[in-house]
Amino acid sequence: MHTPSGERISAAALESMDFDSVDLPGPYGDVLGPIGPAMYLLVWGMRGSGKSTFCAGLAAGWAAAHGPAEIVAIEEGPGPALQDKIARLGIGRPDLGIRQTADLEELMGLASETSLVVVDSISEAGMDTDEVARLKQAYKAQGTALVVVAHALKTGADYKGPSEWGHGVGVELQVYEDE
């Protein structure tokens, strides 16, 4: 439910409105809070910081709370490293799919097949600004959540890639390695 642009509503009225949102279990809900079903989330950090592990757990939590999810493991593929993450997190679920593709048309097609897609990583896929914008638009139009993973610069100060990747995100999350 939205009000016309510029129309004033009271905080009390806003508090009583019902919005379509997903409440994720455990630490994912603690970090993200209730989120819209067509959210766009950018996760980035240094190599080995836990980006892929966080996103795998997020996808499994989403699948449990909202419906099927897909991890597009461009970097790792469905191999031993991802298998270890799934076993360690205890998230081997039939409604959590794994695939490996960097083909933009395939990635766009997933928007109509599932409720959340993690693209790990857009850095590795070599996507440009226009391709990421097309992907975001396709997912929003289908009401499908999109999580993209980006690598950090060597300094760790920002993610590698165009700043436009971060435009229009619901959440930008930087993952740090435990010290």
Foldseek 3Di string as FASTA:
>chain_A
DDDPPPDDDDPVVVVPDDDAWWQFDDPVCVVQPTHFLAAEEEEEWAPPLCRVLVVLVVQLRCCVTPNAEEEAAQPPAPDDVVVVSCVVVVRPDPRYYYGHDLDLVVLLVCLQVIREYEYEACQSSVDALVSLVVSSVSNVVSSHYYYHYFYPDPVRPGTPHDPSNVPPGPYYHYGGHDD
